[in-house]
Amino acid sequence: MSAVFQYNEDKAIAADSGGGEYITESCVVRGFIEQAKWVEASSGAKGLELTFESEHGKKANYLTLYYQKKDGSINEVGDQQIQSLMGCTGAQSLSMTNNGSAMIAPELTRKPVQLALERENYVKGNGQNGFRFQIKCIMSAKSGLTIAEYKAGKQAESAGYWAQRFAQNPQGEPPKQQAAQASGQYDYSNSYMPPADDDDSTIPF
């Protein structure tokens, strides 16, 4: 008989306190995509929803890049962001695969990447305050370069720009009245393992 679990006291304590840590402030952070899931909003808009975990084990979920509007036309911003994400992770194409619970893009699973995440505060439909993150910039986990910087032979300037901007107001602007786009904001799981392929030789530029 082989053991399925080995006791980890730190994880046991984390469970008693409600789960592991998660990202709560605007930041530029390196980590990996835990899962990329194809989603459709109630409005009919379609997107790619990322579950992200930093190299220090902090999570940010429900990071959605909407590539198609509710009328079926292309959402240029989201479409371009997905292309940037592919370029920075080395994915040449994205497919839809059923993993049993959702349709995912397996090409992005466990892929390292660096993101500029901006906190956005809002008031939920029930009157309670909530927050979510918007992806403002996508960079290579290896160099911190954006695709544009890499192609132009520039230094990694975007990371510093966003870090400086976020430092001025890490908690985001005061919340605005709007309905929540997701039933919850974060997964409080604290499980963390380094990316299986987190090797400089596998990370683009």
Protein backbone atom coordinates (compact mmCIF):
# COMPACT_ATOMS: atom_id res chain seq x y z
CA MET A 1 0.00 0.00 0.00
CA SER A 2 1.40 3.39 -1.01
CA ALA A 3 0.72 6.71 0.69
CA VAL A 4 -1.42 9.21 -1.18
CA PHE A 5 -0.77 12.14 1.17
CA GLN A 6 2.17 13.11 3.34
CA TYR A 7 1.40 15.31 6.33
CA ASN A 8 2.33 18.98 5.85
CA GLU A 9 1.71 21.01 9.00
CA ASP A 10 2.02 24.39 7.24
CA LYS A 11 -0.78 23.46 4.86
CA ALA A 12 -2.90 22.16 7.73
CA ILE A 13 -2.53 25.48 9.56
CA ALA A 14 -3.33 27.40 6.38
CA ALA A 15 -6.56 25.42 5.97
CA ASP A 16 -7.62 26.33 9.51
CA SER A 17 -7.12 30.02 8.73
CA GLY A 18 -9.29 29.91 5.61
CA GLY A 19 -6.79 29.00 2.93
CA GLY A 20 -3.58 30.26 1.45
CA GLU A 21 -2.51 33.72 0.41
CA TYR A 22 -3.76 35.49 -2.66
CA ILE A 23 -2.86 38.68 -4.50
CA THR A 24 -4.68 41.69 -3.08
CA GLU A 25 -2.83 44.69 -4.54
CA SER A 26 -1.94 45.96 -7.99
CA CYS A 27 1.47 44.55 -8.91
CA VAL A 28 3.87 43.30 -11.55
CA VAL A 29 4.34 39.63 -10.75
CA ARG A 30 6.08 36.59 -12.21
CA GLY A 31 4.45 33.18 -11.97
CA PHE A 32 2.62 30.63 -14.08
CA ILE A 33 -0.78 29.93 -15.56
CA GLU A 34 -2.39 27.20 -13.52
CA GLN A 35 -5.28 26.90 -15.95
CA ALA A 36 -6.70 28.73 -18.97
CA LYS A 37 -10.43 28.13 -19.40
CA TRP A 38 -12.73 29.12 -22.26
CA VAL A 39 -15.78 30.94 -20.87
CA GLU A 40 -18.93 32.69 -22.06
CA ALA A 41 -20.53 35.54 -20.10
CA SER A 42 -24.29 35.75 -19.57
CA SER A 43 -24.27 38.54 -22.16
CA GLY A 44 -22.86 36.14 -24.76
CA ALA A 45 -19.34 37.61 -24.80
CA LYS A 46 -16.61 34.96 -25.02
CA GLY A 47 -13.28 34.97 -23.25
CA LEU A 48 -10.28 33.09 -21.93
CA GLU A 49 -10.24 32.97 -18.13
CA LEU A 50 -6.87 32.51 -16.42
CA THR A 51 -6.05 31.11 -13.02
CA PHE A 52 -2.64 32.54 -12.12
CA GLU A 53 -0.20 31.68 -9.35
CA SER A 54 2.86 33.74 -8.51
CA GLU A 55 6.32 32.26 -7.98
CA HIS A 56 5.70 32.83 -4.25
CA GLY A 57 2.44 30.88 -4.26
CA LYS A 58 -0.07 33.76 -4.29
CA LYS A 59 -3.11 33.37 -6.52
CA ALA A 60 -5.27 35.56 -8.71
CA ASN A 61 -8.28 33.96 -10.37
CA TYR A 62 -10.96 35.05 -12.84
CA LEU A 63 -8.49 36.95 -15.02
CA THR A 64 -10.61 37.04 -18.16
CA LEU A 65 -9.52 38.22 -21.59
CA TYR A 66 -12.67 38.75 -23.67
CA TYR A 67 -11.88 38.19 -27.34
CA GLN A 68 -15.43 38.24 -28.72
CA LYS A 69 -18.22 40.74 -28.00
CA LYS A 70 -21.81 39.74 -27.35
CA ASP A 71 -22.74 40.60 -30.94
CA GLY A 72 -20.14 38.14 -32.24
CA SER A 73 -17.62 40.76 -33.38
CA ILE A 74 -13.97 40.66 -32.32
CA ASN A 75 -12.96 42.45 -29.14
CA GLU A 76 -9.69 43.89 -30.39
CA VAL A 77 -8.15 44.51 -26.95
CA GLY A 78 -8.83 41.01 -25.65
CA ASP A 79 -7.85 39.41 -28.95
CA GLN A 80 -4.51 41.24 -28.92
CA GLN A 81 -3.90 40.33 -25.27
CA ILE A 82 -4.39 36.64 -26.02
CA GLN A 83 -1.93 36.92 -28.91
CA SER A 84 0.54 38.62 -26.53
CA LEU A 85 0.02 35.86 -23.99
CA MET A 86 0.74 33.25 -26.64
CA GLY A 87 3.89 35.05 -27.73
CA CYS A 88 5.22 35.41 -24.20
CA THR A 89 4.59 31.76 -23.34
CA GLY A 90 5.66 30.25 -26.66
CA ALA A 91 2.22 28.84 -27.52
CA GLN A 92 1.80 28.65 -31.30
CA SER A 93 -1.89 27.79 -31.15
CA LEU A 94 -4.68 27.35 -28.59
CA SER A 95 -7.22 24.55 -28.67
CA MET A 96 -10.34 23.63 -26.71
CA THR A 97 -10.08 20.46 -24.67
CA ASN A 98 -12.61 19.10 -22.20
CA ASN A 99 -10.83 18.30 -18.94
CA GLY A 100 -13.96 16.92 -17.32
CA SER A 101 -15.14 20.12 -15.68
CA ALA A 102 -14.45 22.83 -18.27
CA MET A 103 -13.17 23.56 -21.75
CA ILE A 104 -9.54 24.55 -21.38
CA ALA A 105 -6.58 25.63 -23.51
CA PRO A 106 -4.05 22.95 -22.46
CA GLU A 107 -1.22 24.70 -24.34
CA LEU A 108 -1.12 27.33 -21.57
CA THR A 109 -1.23 24.98 -18.58
CA ARG A 110 1.74 25.59 -16.23
CA LYS A 111 3.27 28.10 -18.62
CA PRO A 112 5.44 30.76 -16.90
CA VAL A 113 4.59 34.39 -17.56
CA GLN A 114 4.90 37.84 -16.00
CA LEU A 115 1.79 39.99 -15.59
CA ALA A 116 0.94 43.55 -14.62
CA LEU A 117 -2.25 43.18 -12.59
CA GLU A 118 -4.33 46.22 -11.65
CA ARG A 119 -6.81 45.96 -8.80
CA GLU A 120 -10.32 47.12 -9.64
CA ASN A 121 -12.75 47.71 -6.77
CA TYR A 122 -16.52 47.53 -7.22
CA VAL A 123 -19.78 47.22 -5.31
CA LYS A 124 -21.56 43.91 -5.76
CA GLY A 125 -25.26 43.61 -6.47
CA ASN A 126 -25.86 42.83 -2.77
CA GLY A 127 -24.15 46.06 -1.72
CA GLN A 128 -20.93 44.47 -0.49
CA ASN A 129 -17.53 45.63 -1.70
CA GLY A 130 -15.47 43.35 -3.92
CA PHE A 131 -12.41 43.50 -6.12
CA ARG A 132 -10.96 41.80 -9.16
CA PHE A 133 -7.90 42.26 -11.34
CA GLN A 134 -7.44 43.50 -14.87
CA ILE A 135 -4.43 42.35 -16.89
CA LYS A 136 -2.74 45.56 -18.06
CA CYS A 137 0.43 44.10 -19.58
CA ILE A 138 1.86 40.66 -20.44
CA MET A 139 5.60 39.98 -20.37
CA SER A 140 8.08 37.15 -20.71
CA ALA A 141 8.78 35.43 -17.40
CA LYS A 142 12.42 35.05 -18.40
CA SER A 143 13.29 38.61 -19.41
CA GLY A 144 10.37 40.78 -18.37
CA LEU A 145 10.11 42.00 -21.97
CA THR A 146 6.86 42.51 -23.83
CA ILE A 147 6.60 41.21 -27.38
CA ALA A 148 6.91 44.76 -28.73
CA GLU A 149 10.02 45.45 -26.63
CA TYR A 150 11.61 42.19 -27.71
CA LYS A 151 10.96 42.79 -31.41
CA ALA A 152 12.27 46.38 -31.19
CA GLY A 153 15.40 45.31 -29.29
CA LYS A 154 14.48 47.50 -26.32
CA GLN A 155 15.08 47.06 -22.60
CA ALA A 156 12.27 45.87 -20.33
CA GLU A 157 10.61 49.24 -19.73
CA SER A 158 6.95 48.25 -19.33
CA ALA A 159 7.48 46.33 -16.09
CA GLY A 160 9.02 49.36 -14.40
CA TYR A 161 6.34 51.69 -15.73
CA TRP A 162 3.51 49.61 -14.35
CA ALA A 163 5.28 48.91 -11.06
CA GLN A 164 5.77 52.67 -10.53
CA ARG A 165 2.17 53.42 -11.44
CA PHE A 166 0.81 50.70 -9.15
CA ALA A 167 3.00 51.83 -6.25
CA GLN A 168 1.13 55.15 -6.21
CA ASN A 169 -2.19 53.43 -5.52
CA PRO A 170 -1.81 49.68 -4.90
CA GLN A 171 -5.34 49.30 -3.50
CA GLY A 172 -7.01 50.77 -6.58
CA GLU A 173 -9.64 53.45 -6.97
CA PRO A 174 -12.75 53.66 -4.73
CA PRO A 175 -15.35 51.04 -5.71
CA LYS A 176 -17.97 51.80 -8.34
CA GLN A 177 -21.49 50.42 -8.29
CA GLN A 178 -21.68 47.52 -10.69
CA ALA A 179 -22.76 43.91 -10.73
CA ALA A 180 -20.16 41.25 -10.06
CA GLN A 181 -19.16 39.30 -13.18
CA ALA A 182 -18.25 36.22 -11.19
CA SER A 183 -19.84 34.43 -8.27
CA GLY A 184 -16.60 34.58 -6.31
CA GLN A 185 -13.28 36.35 -6.62
CA TYR A 186 -10.62 34.00 -5.44
CA ASP A 187 -9.80 30.41 -4.75
CA TYR A 188 -8.30 30.30 -1.28
CA SER A 189 -6.31 27.14 -1.95
CA ASN A 190 -2.69 27.60 -0.95
CA SER A 191 -1.24 24.62 -2.77
CA TYR A 192 1.90 25.62 -4.66
CA MET A 193 4.38 23.70 -6.74
CA PRO A 194 7.05 25.26 -8.98
CA PRO A 195 6.15 24.99 -12.68
CA ALA A 196 7.21 21.64 -14.04
CA ASP A 197 8.78 23.33 -17.07
CA ASP A 198 10.02 26.50 -15.36
CA ASP A 199 13.38 26.34 -17.07
CA ASP A 200 15.01 29.29 -18.85
CA SER A 201 15.42 27.18 -21.96
CA THR A 202 11.63 26.80 -22.29
CA ILE A 203 10.68 30.45 -21.74
CA PRO A 204 10.57 32.66 -24.86
CA PHE A 205 13.17 35.46 -25.04
